[in-house]
C-alpha atoms as a PDB file:
ATOM      1  CA  MET A   1       0.000   0.000   0.000  1.00  0.00           C
ATOM      2  CA  ILE A   2       1.290   3.472  -0.833  1.00  0.00           C
ATOM      3  CA  LEU A   3       0.191   6.643   0.904  1.00  0.00           C
ATOM      4  CA  TYR A   4       0.876   9.787  -1.124  1.00  0.00           C
ATOM      5  CA  GLY A   5       1.007  12.893   1.011  1.00  0.00           C
ATOM      6  CA  LEU A   6       3.299  14.901   3.253  1.00  0.00           C
ATOM      7  CA  SER A   7       5.250  13.624   6.227  1.00  0.00           C
ATOM      8  CA  THR A   8       4.316  16.806   8.091  1.00  0.00           C
ATOM      9  CA  CYS A   9       0.560  16.490   7.434  1.00  0.00           C
ATOM     10  CA  ASP A  10      -1.449  15.504  10.526  1.00  0.00           C
ATOM     11  CA  THR A  11      -4.022  13.583   8.468  1.00  0.00           C
ATOM     12  CA  CYS A  12      -1.283  11.688   6.635  1.00  0.00           C
ATOM     13  CA  ARG A  13       0.414  10.775   9.926  1.00  0.00           C
ATOM     14  CA  LYS A  14      -2.914   9.612  11.374  1.00  0.00           C
ATOM     15  CA  ALA A  15      -3.576   7.513   8.266  1.00  0.00           C
ATOM     16  CA  MET A  16      -0.067   6.002   8.320  1.00  0.00           C
ATOM     17  CA  LYS A  17      -0.458   5.016  11.960  1.00  0.00           C
ATOM     18  CA  ALA A  18      -3.911   3.466  11.459  1.00  0.00           C
ATOM     19  CA  LEU A  19      -2.973   1.653   8.245  1.00  0.00           C
ATOM     20  CA  SER A  20       0.282   0.323   9.717  1.00  0.00           C
ATOM     21  CA  ALA A  21      -1.691  -1.046  12.672  1.00  0.00           C
ATOM     22  CA  THR A  22      -3.532  -3.374  10.263  1.00  0.00           C
ATOM     23  CA  GLY A  23      -0.287  -5.277   9.731  1.00  0.00           C
ATOM     24  CA  ARG A  24      -0.016  -4.472   6.041  1.00  0.00           C
ATOM     25  CA  PRO A  25       3.128  -2.695   4.878  1.00  0.00           C
ATOM     26  CA  VAL A  26       2.527   0.968   4.055  1.00  0.00           C
ATOM     27  CA  ARG A  27       4.998   3.233   2.300  1.00  0.00           C
ATOM     28  CA  LEU A  28       4.736   7.015   2.480  1.00  0.00           C
ATOM     29  CA  GLN A  29       5.659   8.897  -0.665  1.00  0.00           C
ATOM     30  CA  ASP A  30       6.178  12.473   0.461  1.00  0.00           C
ATOM     31  CA  VAL A  31       5.144  14.433  -2.627  1.00  0.00           C
ATOM     32  CA  ARG A  32       7.320  17.353  -1.576  1.00  0.00           C
ATOM     33  CA  ASP A  33      10.477  15.179  -1.611  1.00  0.00           C
ATOM     34  CA  GLU A  34       9.405  12.794  -4.379  1.00  0.00           C
ATOM     35  CA  PRO A  35       6.883  14.595  -6.628  1.00  0.00           C
ATOM     36  CA  LEU A  36       4.239  12.628  -8.463  1.00  0.00           C
ATOM     37  CA  THR A  37       5.177  11.441 -11.923  1.00  0.00           C
ATOM     38  CA  GLU A  38       3.177  12.532 -14.933  1.00  0.00           C
ATOM     39  CA  ASP A  39       1.551   9.073 -15.041  1.00  0.00           C
ATOM     40  CA  GLN A  40       0.627   9.210 -11.342  1.00  0.00           C
ATOM     41  CA  ARG A  41      -0.926  12.664 -11.727  1.00  0.00           C
ATOM     42  CA  ALA A  42      -2.867  11.466 -14.776  1.00  0.00           C
ATOM     43  CA  ALA A  43      -4.199   8.424 -12.888  1.00  0.00           C
ATOM     44  CA  PHE A  44      -5.136  10.455  -9.821  1.00  0.00           C
ATOM     45  CA  LEU A  45      -6.847  13.137 -11.901  1.00  0.00           C
ATOM     46  CA  ALA A  46      -8.704  10.508 -13.933  1.00  0.00           C
ATOM     47  CA  ARG A  47     -10.046   9.038 -10.682  1.00  0.00           C
ATOM     48  CA  PHE A  48     -10.704  12.206  -8.630  1.00  0.00           C
ATOM     49  CA  GLY A  49     -10.823  15.090 -11.122  1.00  0.00           C
ATOM     50  CA  ASP A  50     -10.756  18.604  -9.663  1.00  0.00           C
ATOM     51  CA  LYS A  51     -11.276  17.200  -6.151  1.00  0.00           C
ATOM     52  CA  LEU A  52      -7.566  16.353  -6.154  1.00  0.00           C
ATOM     53  CA  VAL A  53      -6.686  20.068  -5.878  1.00  0.00           C
ATOM     54  CA  ASN A  54      -6.989  21.335  -2.308  1.00  0.00           C
ATOM     55  CA  ARG A  55      -8.493  24.786  -2.721  1.00  0.00           C
ATOM     56  CA  ALA A  56      -8.540  25.329   1.053  1.00  0.00           C
ATOM     57  CA  SER A  57      -4.759  25.030   1.405  1.00  0.00           C
ATOM     58  CA  THR A  58      -2.254  27.704   2.285  1.00  0.00           C
ATOM     59  CA  THR A  59      -0.534  27.033  -1.031  1.00  0.00           C
ATOM     60  CA  TRP A  60      -3.771  27.743  -2.946  1.00  0.00           C
ATOM     61  CA  ARG A  61      -4.299  31.013  -1.084  1.00  0.00           C
ATOM     62  CA  GLY A  62      -0.777  32.072  -2.079  1.00  0.00           C
ATOM     63  CA  LEU A  63      -1.399  31.603  -5.804  1.00  0.00           C
ATOM     64  CA  SER A  64      -2.210  34.480  -8.111  1.00  0.00           C
ATOM     65  CA  GLU A  65      -5.582  34.514  -9.832  1.00  0.00           C
ATOM     66  CA  THR A  66      -3.813  33.701 -13.098  1.00  0.00           C
ATOM     67  CA  GLU A  67      -2.116  30.649 -11.575  1.00  0.00           C
ATOM     68  CA  ARG A  68      -5.429  29.451 -10.144  1.00  0.00           C
ATOM     69  CA  GLN A  69      -6.838  29.325 -13.683  1.00  0.00           C
ATOM     70  CA  SER A  70      -4.246  26.707 -14.711  1.00  0.00           C
ATOM     71  CA  ASP A  71      -5.405  23.159 -15.336  1.00  0.00           C
ATOM     72  CA  PRO A  72      -5.128  20.795 -12.335  1.00  0.00           C
ATOM     73  CA  ASP A  73      -2.242  18.793 -13.853  1.00  0.00           C
ATOM     74  CA  THR A  74      -0.126  21.916 -14.320  1.00  0.00           C
ATOM     75  CA  LEU A  75      -0.981  23.158 -10.826  1.00  0.00           C
ATOM     76  CA  LEU A  76      -0.008  19.856  -9.201  1.00  0.00           C
ATOM     77  CA  ALA A  77       3.202  19.588 -11.241  1.00  0.00           C
ATOM     78  CA  ARG A  78       4.285  23.075 -10.134  1.00  0.00           C
ATOM     79  CA  HIS A  79       2.920  22.897  -6.578  1.00  0.00           C
ATOM     80  CA  PRO A  80       2.839  19.299  -5.264  1.00  0.00           C
ATOM     81  CA  THR A  81       1.524  20.469  -1.883  1.00  0.00           C
ATOM     82  CA  LEU A  82      -1.743  21.508  -3.580  1.00  0.00           C
ATOM     83  CA  MET A  83      -2.756  17.852  -3.686  1.00  0.00           C
ATOM     84  CA  LYS A  84      -5.565  16.950  -1.329  1.00  0.00           C
ATOM     85  CA  ARG A  85      -4.114  14.437   1.106  1.00  0.00           C
ATOM     86  CA  PRO A  86      -3.689  11.629   1.448  1.00  0.00           C
ATOM     87  CA  VAL A  87      -4.152   9.646  -1.719  1.00  0.00           C
ATOM     88  CA  ILE A  88      -3.922   5.962  -0.834  1.00  0.00           C
ATOM     89  CA  ASP A  89      -3.219   3.234  -3.375  1.00  0.00           C
ATOM     90  CA  ARG A  90      -4.188  -0.214  -2.168  1.00  0.00           C
ATOM     91  CA  ASP A  91      -3.624  -2.836  -4.825  1.00  0.00           C
ATOM     92  CA  GLY A  92      -4.395  -0.389  -7.633  1.00  0.00           C
ATOM     93  CA  VAL A  93      -7.554   1.043  -6.027  1.00  0.00           C
ATOM     94  CA  LEU A  94      -7.227   4.746  -5.200  1.00  0.00           C
ATOM     95  CA  TYR A  95      -8.772   6.512  -2.201  1.00  0.00           C
ATOM     96  CA  LEU A  96      -8.771  10.250  -1.477  1.00  0.00           C
ATOM     97  CA  GLY A  97      -8.584  11.634   2.040  1.00  0.00           C
ATOM     98  CA  PHE A  98      -8.994   9.678   5.250  1.00  0.00           C
ATOM     99  CA  GLY A  99     -12.659  10.195   6.075  1.00  0.00           C
ATOM    100  CA  SER A 100     -14.914   7.581   7.616  1.00  0.00           C
ATOM    101  CA  ASP A 101     -15.715   6.043   4.212  1.00  0.00           C
ATOM    102  CA  VAL A 102     -12.025   5.510   3.403  1.00  0.00           C
ATOM    103  CA  GLN A 103     -11.339   4.226   6.913  1.00  0.00           C
ATOM    104  CA  ALA A 104     -14.207   1.726   6.611  1.00  0.00           C
ATOM    105  CA  ALA A 105     -12.817   0.457   3.306  1.00  0.00           C
ATOM    106  CA  LEU A 106      -9.197   0.194   4.406  1.00  0.00           C
ATOM    107  CA  LEU A 107      -9.243  -0.644   8.106  1.00  0.00           C
ATOM    108  CA  THR A 108     -11.587  -3.628   8.046  1.00  0.00           C
END
């Protein structure tokens, strides 16, 4: 299982702890240190669309209006921390966030 996010993100740390407790190996890919590849971004955007861009983030608030008009792929390539976190890949199935629905699917 791969968790894409930030090592400093509270939600990502909570998800890592809970997922690791299931006994399955979980690897964190910190998107700040190891940005998503073009193929990963394409797969994530195909699955989640615009929901992948976190418009409530500090990074988003720091963007100019012109930058905000860029397509999501360009935004995420330039600003990896704009990705809503975490994205979890379990055996090729992608999950976004760590809400109760994702927890129910992954922790049982």
